[in-house]
Amino acid sequence: MRSPMAHALAAARAGTAARIDSVGLEAGALDPFSIAVMAEIGIDISGHVPRESDALGEARFDLIIALTPAARSRARDIAAVSGAEVAFWPIADPTLGEGSREQRLAAYRAVRDDLAARIAAILPAPAAG
């Protein structure tokens, strides 16, 4: 849920200036609430295919951002081989929210906006032109 949103936000911000990838601890279906809140800001993630971290193979990264403690542990394993820096962003899990549809969407929007702010802080927008 969070990883596809982070991937799309980073890719939209970086354009072709950086290679962005996204994996989780296990592959699963996209969450319709994630799709909906990203569509609100003009980003379509409906075609995103969630993959497991094992799908990375021998890929090399400069930075791995983990969004859960379990993902941080896996990221450290990958970084030990690749030399990547690991950042841990303890982002709330919006799937744990309860309430009305609007309350649940609000939780997803908060996650989206938190991710967008963190990404903007570390990833410069490409120069216009």
C-alpha atoms as a PDB file:
ATOM      1  CA  MET A   1       0.000   0.000   0.000  1.00  0.00           C
ATOM      2  CA  ARG A   2       2.687   2.479   0.999  1.00  0.00           C
ATOM      3  CA  SER A   3       5.444   1.245  -1.279  1.00  0.00           C
ATOM      4  CA  PRO A   4       3.514   1.680  -4.555  1.00  0.00           C
ATOM      5  CA  MET A   5       2.543   5.194  -3.467  1.00  0.00           C
ATOM      6  CA  ALA A   6       6.154   6.041  -2.566  1.00  0.00           C
ATOM      7  CA  HIS A   7       7.395   4.584  -5.845  1.00  0.00           C
ATOM      8  CA  ALA A   8       4.960   6.616  -7.927  1.00  0.00           C
ATOM      9  CA  LEU A   9       5.610   9.831  -6.006  1.00  0.00           C
ATOM     10  CA  ALA A  10       9.391   9.457  -6.325  1.00  0.00           C
ATOM     11  CA  ALA A  11       9.201   8.548 -10.003  1.00  0.00           C
ATOM     12  CA  ALA A  12       6.926  11.514 -10.723  1.00  0.00           C
ATOM     13  CA  ARG A  13       9.294  13.853  -8.909  1.00  0.00           C
ATOM     14  CA  ALA A  14      12.538  12.507 -10.363  1.00  0.00           C
ATOM     15  CA  GLY A  15      11.421  11.953 -13.924  1.00  0.00           C
ATOM     16  CA  THR A  16      14.370  10.403 -15.760  1.00  0.00           C
ATOM     17  CA  ALA A  17      16.936  11.859 -13.336  1.00  0.00           C
ATOM     18  CA  ALA A  18      16.905   8.768 -11.101  1.00  0.00           C
ATOM     19  CA  ARG A  19      16.032   5.089 -11.300  1.00  0.00           C
ATOM     20  CA  ILE A  20      13.262   4.305  -8.845  1.00  0.00           C
ATOM     21  CA  ASP A  21      12.210   0.782  -7.885  1.00  0.00           C
ATOM     22  CA  SER A  22       9.731  -0.594  -5.399  1.00  0.00           C
ATOM     23  CA  VAL A  23       9.416  -3.933  -3.683  1.00  0.00           C
ATOM     24  CA  GLY A  24       7.742  -5.281  -0.591  1.00  0.00           C
ATOM     25  CA  LEU A  25       8.284  -8.196   1.691  1.00  0.00           C
ATOM     26  CA  GLU A  26       5.629 -10.086  -0.223  1.00  0.00           C
ATOM     27  CA  ALA A  27       3.815  -9.439  -3.454  1.00  0.00           C
ATOM     28  CA  GLY A  28       0.123  -8.752  -3.242  1.00  0.00           C
ATOM     29  CA  ALA A  29      -2.752  -6.955  -4.848  1.00  0.00           C
ATOM     30  CA  LEU A  30      -2.892  -3.187  -5.026  1.00  0.00           C
ATOM     31  CA  ASP A  31      -5.169  -1.544  -2.521  1.00  0.00           C
ATOM     32  CA  PRO A  32      -8.084   0.360  -4.107  1.00  0.00           C
ATOM     33  CA  PHE A  33      -7.743   3.160  -1.542  1.00  0.00           C
ATOM     34  CA  SER A  34      -4.108   3.683  -2.592  1.00  0.00           C
ATOM     35  CA  ILE A  35      -5.179   3.853  -6.212  1.00  0.00           C
ATOM     36  CA  ALA A  36      -7.939   6.347  -5.365  1.00  0.00           C
ATOM     37  CA  VAL A  37      -5.811   8.801  -3.350  1.00  0.00           C
ATOM     38  CA  MET A  38      -3.039   8.781  -5.921  1.00  0.00           C
ATOM     39  CA  ALA A  39      -5.565   9.432  -8.697  1.00  0.00           C
ATOM     40  CA  GLU A  40      -6.681  12.491  -6.732  1.00  0.00           C
ATOM     41  CA  ILE A  41      -3.272  14.057  -7.425  1.00  0.00           C
ATOM     42  CA  GLY A  42      -3.126  12.887 -11.025  1.00  0.00           C
ATOM     43  CA  ILE A  43      -0.926   9.813 -10.581  1.00  0.00           C
ATOM     44  CA  ASP A  44      -2.217   6.470 -11.869  1.00  0.00           C
ATOM     45  CA  ILE A  45      -0.804   3.502  -9.971  1.00  0.00           C
ATOM     46  CA  SER A  46      -3.448   1.027 -11.140  1.00  0.00           C
ATOM     47  CA  GLY A  47      -0.899  -0.707 -13.370  1.00  0.00           C
ATOM     48  CA  HIS A  48       1.727  -1.075 -10.644  1.00  0.00           C
ATOM     49  CA  VAL A  49       2.733  -4.696 -10.147  1.00  0.00           C
ATOM     50  CA  PRO A  50       3.806  -5.340  -6.536  1.00  0.00           C
ATOM     51  CA  ARG A  51       6.954  -7.455  -6.301  1.00  0.00           C
ATOM     52  CA  GLU A  52       8.851  -9.137  -3.491  1.00  0.00           C
ATOM     53  CA  SER A  53      12.308  -7.939  -2.486  1.00  0.00           C
ATOM     54  CA  ASP A  54      13.780 -11.186  -3.822  1.00  0.00           C
ATOM     55  CA  ALA A  55      12.835  -9.928  -7.314  1.00  0.00           C
ATOM     56  CA  LEU A  56      15.637  -7.361  -7.120  1.00  0.00           C
ATOM     57  CA  GLY A  57      18.261  -9.973  -7.886  1.00  0.00           C
ATOM     58  CA  GLU A  58      21.669  -8.337  -8.159  1.00  0.00           C
ATOM     59  CA  ALA A  59      20.357  -4.779  -8.580  1.00  0.00           C
ATOM     60  CA  ARG A  60      22.432  -2.034  -6.988  1.00  0.00           C
ATOM     61  CA  PHE A  61      21.031   1.028  -5.249  1.00  0.00           C
ATOM     62  CA  ASP A  62      22.385   4.172  -3.651  1.00  0.00           C
ATOM     63  CA  LEU A  63      19.504   4.456  -1.198  1.00  0.00           C
ATOM     64  CA  ILE A  64      16.942   1.991   0.104  1.00  0.00           C
ATOM     65  CA  ILE A  65      13.996   3.417   1.995  1.00  0.00           C
ATOM     66  CA  ALA A  66      12.219   0.991   4.294  1.00  0.00           C
ATOM     67  CA  LEU A  67       8.721   1.757   5.516  1.00  0.00           C
ATOM     68  CA  THR A  68       8.332  -1.003   8.128  1.00  0.00           C
ATOM     69  CA  PRO A  69      10.680  -2.567  10.685  1.00  0.00           C
ATOM     70  CA  ALA A  70      10.616  -5.866   8.768  1.00  0.00           C
ATOM     71  CA  ALA A  71      11.450  -4.064   5.521  1.00  0.00           C
ATOM     72  CA  ARG A  72      14.305  -2.264   7.296  1.00  0.00           C
ATOM     73  CA  SER A  73      15.781  -5.613   8.284  1.00  0.00           C
ATOM     74  CA  ARG A  74      15.566  -6.862   4.688  1.00  0.00           C
ATOM     75  CA  ALA A  75      16.989  -3.561   3.389  1.00  0.00           C
ATOM     76  CA  ARG A  76      19.997  -3.936   5.682  1.00  0.00           C
ATOM     77  CA  ASP A  77      20.638  -7.383   4.198  1.00  0.00           C
ATOM     78  CA  ILE A  78      20.534  -5.945   0.678  1.00  0.00           C
ATOM     79  CA  ALA A  79      22.691  -2.974   1.690  1.00  0.00           C
ATOM     80  CA  ALA A  80      25.323  -5.265   3.158  1.00  0.00           C
ATOM     81  CA  VAL A  81      25.908  -6.613  -0.343  1.00  0.00           C
ATOM     82  CA  SER A  82      25.312  -3.467  -2.382  1.00  0.00           C
ATOM     83  CA  GLY A  83      26.729  -0.793  -0.097  1.00  0.00           C
ATOM     84  CA  ALA A  84      23.489   1.203  -0.260  1.00  0.00           C
ATOM     85  CA  GLU A  85      22.448   3.622   2.428  1.00  0.00           C
ATOM     86  CA  VAL A  86      19.326   2.547   4.329  1.00  0.00           C
ATOM     87  CA  ALA A  87      16.750   5.037   5.569  1.00  0.00           C
ATOM     88  CA  PHE A  88      13.837   4.030   7.754  1.00  0.00           C
ATOM     89  CA  TRP A  89      10.607   5.992   7.477  1.00  0.00           C
ATOM     90  CA  PRO A  90       8.095   4.602   9.991  1.00  0.00           C
ATOM     91  CA  ILE A  91       5.012   5.519   7.979  1.00  0.00           C
ATOM     92  CA  ALA A  92       1.631   4.612   9.470  1.00  0.00           C
ATOM     93  CA  ASP A  93      -0.131   1.641   7.887  1.00  0.00           C
ATOM     94  CA  PRO A  94      -3.381   2.994   6.473  1.00  0.00           C
ATOM     95  CA  THR A  95      -4.840  -0.501   6.073  1.00  0.00           C
ATOM     96  CA  LEU A  96      -5.217  -0.660   9.856  1.00  0.00           C
ATOM     97  CA  GLY A  97      -7.636   2.270   9.864  1.00  0.00           C
ATOM     98  CA  GLU A  98     -11.283   1.811  10.586  1.00  0.00           C
ATOM     99  CA  GLY A  99     -14.341   3.914  10.068  1.00  0.00           C
ATOM    100  CA  SER A 100     -16.282   5.216   7.136  1.00  0.00           C
ATOM    101  CA  ARG A 101     -14.972   5.233   3.593  1.00  0.00           C
ATOM    102  CA  GLU A 102     -14.113   8.920   3.953  1.00  0.00           C
ATOM    103  CA  GLN A 103     -12.231   8.313   7.219  1.00  0.00           C
ATOM    104  CA  ARG A 104     -10.227   5.524   5.605  1.00  0.00           C
ATOM    105  CA  LEU A 105      -9.474   7.696   2.555  1.00  0.00           C
ATOM    106  CA  ALA A 106      -8.292  10.429   4.931  1.00  0.00           C
ATOM    107  CA  ALA A 107      -5.805   7.972   6.468  1.00  0.00           C
ATOM    108  CA  TYR A 108      -4.482   7.096   3.005  1.00  0.00           C
ATOM    109  CA  ARG A 109      -4.239  10.772   2.069  1.00  0.00           C
ATOM    110  CA  ALA A 110      -2.208  11.430   5.210  1.00  0.00           C
ATOM    111  CA  VAL A 111       0.204   8.637   4.247  1.00  0.00           C
ATOM    112  CA  ARG A 112       0.421   9.919   0.669  1.00  0.00           C
ATOM    113  CA  ASP A 113       1.144  13.452   1.840  1.00  0.00           C
ATOM    114  CA  ASP A 114       3.702  12.277   4.415  1.00  0.00           C
ATOM    115  CA  LEU A 115       5.516  10.274   1.748  1.00  0.00           C
ATOM    116  CA  ALA A 116       5.393  13.183  -0.703  1.00  0.00           C
ATOM    117  CA  ALA A 117       6.930  15.563   1.836  1.00  0.00           C
ATOM    118  CA  ARG A 118       9.710  13.119   2.761  1.00  0.00           C
ATOM    119  CA  ILE A 119      10.490  12.430  -0.903  1.00  0.00           C
ATOM    120  CA  ALA A 120      10.566  16.141  -1.719  1.00  0.00           C
ATOM    121  CA  ALA A 121      13.062  16.655   1.113  1.00  0.00           C
ATOM    122  CA  ILE A 122      15.581  14.154  -0.292  1.00  0.00           C
ATOM    123  CA  LEU A 123      14.933  14.138  -4.026  1.00  0.00           C
ATOM    124  CA  PRO A 124      15.386  17.385  -5.886  1.00  0.00           C
ATOM    125  CA  ALA A 125      12.908  18.068  -8.640  1.00  0.00           C
ATOM    126  CA  PRO A 126      14.518  17.951 -12.077  1.00  0.00           C
ATOM    127  CA  ALA A 127      15.409  21.283 -13.628  1.00  0.00           C
ATOM    128  CA  ALA A 128      12.848  22.642 -16.044  1.00  0.00           C
ATOM    129  CA  GLY A 129      13.824  22.857 -19.616  1.00  0.00           C
END
